[in-house]
Amino acid sequence: MKGMRELVTENELQIASMLTKSRSDVFLESRGYIRRSLANLFNSSPLDIPLEANPSKPPKLPKGMGNISLSHCHDALIIIWHSEKVGIDIERSDRNFQYKDLAKKYCFNSYQLNQSNTNLKKDILNQWSAIEAAIKLDKGSLAKDLKEWKYHHNKTTLIHKKKQFQVYMSQFNFLKWTISIAYDDKKHLTYRAIICDNSEIL
């Protein structure tokens, strides 16, 4: 995430001034990249995009302009737009985290089904990423909804147990990242990816 800070509004600059340095950097650059991406999509100026994207809140567009979701880790940012509801998550595939404790706390399937699985860490990361994408689609929160989502191992659906709400999921690896996309249409989501590295399109 480099070089997009000039594509933000005065309001976004004011919001950033009230954040810590690290959060301010991520906030400004991510909003700049969102504006640049949507400007390409809508053939508009980045600063004319009517984006509402406050810190720690799902980004929103006015009715009729579609739905957007974003995710970032320490070295990457990913953005998705669709006419229907959508959620996305990106994680480093080599992320270091207490996966066994996470599995125990939230009863993730892999821990219950196969505690000796050598790929347990990868399985837990995949489940975590899929559930994060589903939570973003549903405009929920990790604190309230993490335990509610049921991940089906080797399947492409997740179910919110309390709401009895089902979403569909695509998940894949790209270079050193794991990416999950959640959507609520029965048809497989089709998407076009634009991959950028230091502002250069790959």
Protein backbone atom coordinates (compact mmCIF):
# COMPACT_ATOMS: atom_id res chain seq x y z
CA MET A 1 0.00 0.00 0.00
CA LYS A 2 1.98 2.93 -1.30
CA GLY A 3 1.23 6.17 -3.03
CA MET A 4 -2.54 6.63 -2.83
CA ARG A 5 -2.86 9.25 -0.09
CA GLU A 6 -3.51 12.09 -2.53
CA LEU A 7 -6.82 10.48 -3.57
CA VAL A 8 -8.73 11.17 -0.35
CA THR A 9 -11.24 13.85 0.64
CA GLU A 10 -10.83 16.62 3.21
CA ASN A 11 -13.24 14.76 5.48
CA GLU A 12 -11.10 11.61 5.27
CA LEU A 13 -8.00 13.65 6.10
CA GLN A 14 -9.77 15.04 9.18
CA ILE A 15 -10.79 11.55 10.28
CA ALA A 16 -7.22 10.31 9.79
CA SER A 17 -5.85 13.15 11.95
CA MET A 18 -7.72 11.68 14.93
CA LEU A 19 -6.22 8.20 14.52
CA THR A 20 -2.89 6.78 15.57
CA LYS A 21 -0.08 7.02 13.03
CA SER A 22 -0.31 3.37 11.97
CA ARG A 23 -4.12 3.40 11.70
CA SER A 24 -4.05 6.73 9.89
CA ASP A 25 -1.64 5.37 7.26
CA VAL A 26 -3.80 2.30 6.58
CA PHE A 27 -7.01 4.37 6.58
CA LEU A 28 -5.75 6.95 4.05
CA GLU A 29 -4.07 4.48 1.71
CA SER A 30 -6.96 2.02 1.70
CA ARG A 31 -9.51 4.76 0.99
CA GLY A 32 -7.27 6.10 -1.75
CA TYR A 33 -7.10 2.70 -3.40
CA ILE A 34 -10.87 2.25 -3.08
CA ARG A 35 -11.45 5.59 -4.78
CA ARG A 36 -8.96 4.79 -7.54
CA SER A 37 -10.55 1.38 -8.17
CA LEU A 38 -14.11 2.71 -8.22
CA ALA A 39 -13.09 5.61 -10.45
CA ASN A 40 -11.91 3.07 -13.03
CA LEU A 41 -15.13 1.10 -12.62
CA PHE A 42 -17.49 4.07 -12.92
CA ASN A 43 -15.35 6.16 -15.29
CA SER A 44 -15.29 8.99 -12.79
CA SER A 45 -12.87 11.11 -10.80
CA PRO A 46 -11.68 9.38 -7.57
CA LEU A 47 -12.66 12.36 -5.44
CA ASP A 48 -16.18 12.36 -6.93
CA ILE A 49 -16.94 8.82 -5.72
CA PRO A 50 -19.66 9.13 -2.99
CA LEU A 51 -17.89 6.71 -0.65
CA GLU A 52 -18.68 6.42 3.04
CA ALA A 53 -15.87 4.47 4.69
CA ASN A 54 -15.35 5.36 8.34
CA PRO A 55 -12.73 3.60 10.48
CA SER A 56 -13.78 0.13 11.70
CA LYS A 57 -17.02 0.36 9.69
CA PRO A 58 -17.96 -1.43 6.46
CA PRO A 59 -17.48 0.87 3.45
CA LYS A 60 -20.73 1.94 1.81
CA LEU A 61 -21.87 3.32 -1.51
CA PRO A 62 -25.24 4.99 -2.23
CA LYS A 63 -28.11 2.75 -3.29
CA GLY A 64 -27.78 1.68 -6.90
CA MET A 65 -23.97 1.84 -6.97
CA GLY A 66 -23.36 -1.69 -5.76
CA ASN A 67 -21.56 -3.12 -2.75
CA ILE A 68 -17.94 -3.00 -1.72
CA SER A 69 -15.81 -4.86 0.79
CA LEU A 70 -12.16 -4.56 1.72
CA SER A 71 -9.58 -6.37 3.79
CA HIS A 72 -5.91 -5.87 4.56
CA CYS A 73 -3.04 -7.54 6.32
CA HIS A 74 0.36 -6.03 7.09
CA ASP A 75 1.58 -6.12 3.48
CA ALA A 76 -1.50 -6.25 1.24
CA LEU A 77 -4.89 -4.71 0.61
CA ILE A 78 -7.76 -6.29 -1.33
CA ILE A 79 -10.96 -4.65 -2.53
CA ILE A 80 -14.03 -6.24 -4.11
CA TRP A 81 -17.09 -4.63 -5.73
CA HIS A 82 -20.27 -6.37 -6.84
CA SER A 83 -23.83 -5.41 -7.67
CA GLU A 84 -24.99 -7.80 -4.90
CA LYS A 85 -23.84 -8.17 -1.29
CA VAL A 86 -20.28 -9.40 -0.99
CA GLY A 87 -17.56 -9.84 1.62
CA ILE A 88 -13.81 -10.41 1.30
CA ASP A 89 -10.89 -11.31 3.52
CA ILE A 90 -7.13 -11.60 2.94
CA GLU A 91 -4.64 -13.27 5.24
CA ARG A 92 -0.95 -14.06 5.00
CA SER A 93 -0.75 -17.80 4.34
CA ASP A 94 2.21 -17.98 6.74
CA ARG A 95 0.45 -15.95 9.44
CA ASN A 96 1.71 -16.79 12.93
CA PHE A 97 -1.21 -17.14 15.36
CA GLN A 98 -2.42 -19.36 18.20
CA TYR A 99 -4.48 -21.58 15.95
CA LYS A 100 -5.10 -24.36 18.50
CA ASP A 101 -6.44 -21.90 21.07
CA LEU A 102 -8.61 -20.32 18.37
CA ALA A 103 -9.97 -23.71 17.35
CA LYS A 104 -10.80 -24.62 20.97
CA LYS A 105 -12.44 -21.30 21.75
CA TYR A 106 -14.66 -21.21 18.68
CA CYS A 107 -15.11 -24.96 18.10
CA PHE A 108 -13.75 -24.79 14.57
CA ASN A 109 -14.41 -28.01 12.68
CA SER A 110 -10.85 -29.09 11.98
CA TYR A 111 -10.01 -29.17 15.66
CA GLN A 112 -12.97 -31.41 16.42
CA LEU A 113 -12.57 -33.67 13.40
CA ASN A 114 -8.84 -34.25 13.30
CA GLN A 115 -6.65 -32.86 16.05
CA SER A 116 -3.56 -34.65 14.67
CA ASN A 117 -3.89 -33.13 11.21
CA THR A 118 -0.51 -31.73 10.14
CA ASN A 119 -2.38 -29.14 8.10
CA LEU A 120 -4.39 -28.01 11.11
CA LYS A 121 -2.91 -24.51 11.10
CA LYS A 122 -3.79 -24.06 7.42
CA ASP A 123 -7.31 -25.44 7.98
CA ILE A 124 -7.96 -23.06 10.88
CA LEU A 125 -6.64 -20.09 8.88
CA ASN A 126 -8.94 -21.04 5.98
CA GLN A 127 -11.95 -21.24 8.31
CA TRP A 128 -11.07 -17.94 9.99
CA SER A 129 -10.70 -16.20 6.62
CA ALA A 130 -13.97 -17.63 5.24
CA ILE A 131 -15.90 -16.58 8.35
CA GLU A 132 -14.40 -13.08 8.27
CA ALA A 133 -15.59 -12.70 4.66
CA ALA A 134 -19.08 -13.91 5.64
CA ILE A 135 -19.22 -11.47 8.56
CA LYS A 136 -18.30 -8.60 6.24
CA LEU A 137 -21.02 -9.60 3.77
CA ASP A 138 -23.57 -9.66 6.62
CA LYS A 139 -22.27 -6.34 8.05
CA GLY A 140 -21.73 -8.13 11.36
CA SER A 141 -18.87 -8.08 13.86
CA LEU A 142 -16.22 -10.57 14.93
CA ALA A 143 -17.11 -10.14 18.59
CA LYS A 144 -20.81 -10.97 18.10
CA ASP A 145 -20.84 -13.30 15.12
CA LEU A 146 -17.67 -15.39 15.09
CA LYS A 147 -19.25 -18.22 17.11
CA GLU A 148 -22.47 -18.09 15.07
CA TRP A 149 -20.99 -19.00 11.70
CA LYS A 150 -20.74 -22.71 10.84
CA TYR A 151 -18.04 -23.59 8.33
CA HIS A 152 -18.59 -26.76 6.28
CA HIS A 153 -15.29 -28.50 5.68
CA ASN A 154 -14.55 -29.04 1.98
CA LYS A 155 -17.82 -27.34 1.05
CA THR A 156 -18.58 -23.92 -0.33
CA THR A 157 -21.21 -22.73 2.14
CA LEU A 158 -21.32 -21.14 5.57
CA ILE A 159 -24.41 -20.86 7.76
CA HIS A 160 -25.21 -18.32 10.46
CA LYS A 161 -26.77 -20.59 13.09
CA LYS A 162 -28.83 -17.92 14.84
CA LYS A 163 -30.18 -16.25 11.70
CA GLN A 164 -30.33 -19.46 9.60
CA PHE A 165 -28.66 -17.42 6.89
CA GLN A 166 -26.53 -19.21 4.28
CA VAL A 167 -23.75 -17.68 2.19
CA TYR A 168 -21.53 -19.14 -0.49
CA MET A 169 -17.78 -18.98 -0.47
CA SER A 170 -14.84 -19.01 -2.89
CA GLN A 171 -11.36 -19.38 -1.48
CA PHE A 172 -7.97 -19.49 -3.16
CA ASN A 173 -4.29 -18.80 -2.63
CA PHE A 174 -2.45 -16.08 -4.51
CA LEU A 175 1.32 -15.92 -4.01
CA LYS A 176 1.73 -15.59 -0.21
CA TRP A 177 -1.89 -14.78 0.66
CA THR A 178 -5.12 -16.67 1.33
CA ILE A 179 -8.18 -14.92 -0.07
CA SER A 180 -11.84 -15.64 0.75
CA ILE A 181 -14.92 -14.21 -0.99
CA ALA A 182 -18.43 -14.59 0.45
CA TYR A 183 -21.58 -13.99 -1.61
CA ASP A 184 -25.28 -14.80 -1.22
CA ASP A 185 -26.19 -15.72 -4.81
CA LYS A 186 -26.55 -19.43 -5.58
CA LYS A 187 -24.73 -18.92 -8.85
CA HIS A 188 -20.96 -19.00 -8.58
CA LEU A 189 -19.63 -15.50 -8.29
CA THR A 190 -17.72 -14.37 -11.35
CA TYR A 191 -15.12 -11.72 -10.84
CA ARG A 192 -12.33 -9.87 -12.63
CA ALA A 193 -9.16 -9.29 -10.65
CA ILE A 194 -6.82 -6.33 -11.00
CA ILE A 195 -3.63 -7.03 -9.07
CA CYS A 196 -1.41 -4.03 -8.29
CA ASP A 197 2.07 -3.87 -6.79
CA ASN A 198 3.29 -0.45 -5.73
CA SER A 199 0.63 1.16 -7.94
CA GLU A 200 1.63 -0.83 -11.03
CA ILE A 201 -1.02 -3.15 -12.49
CA LEU A 202 0.18 -6.72 -12.90
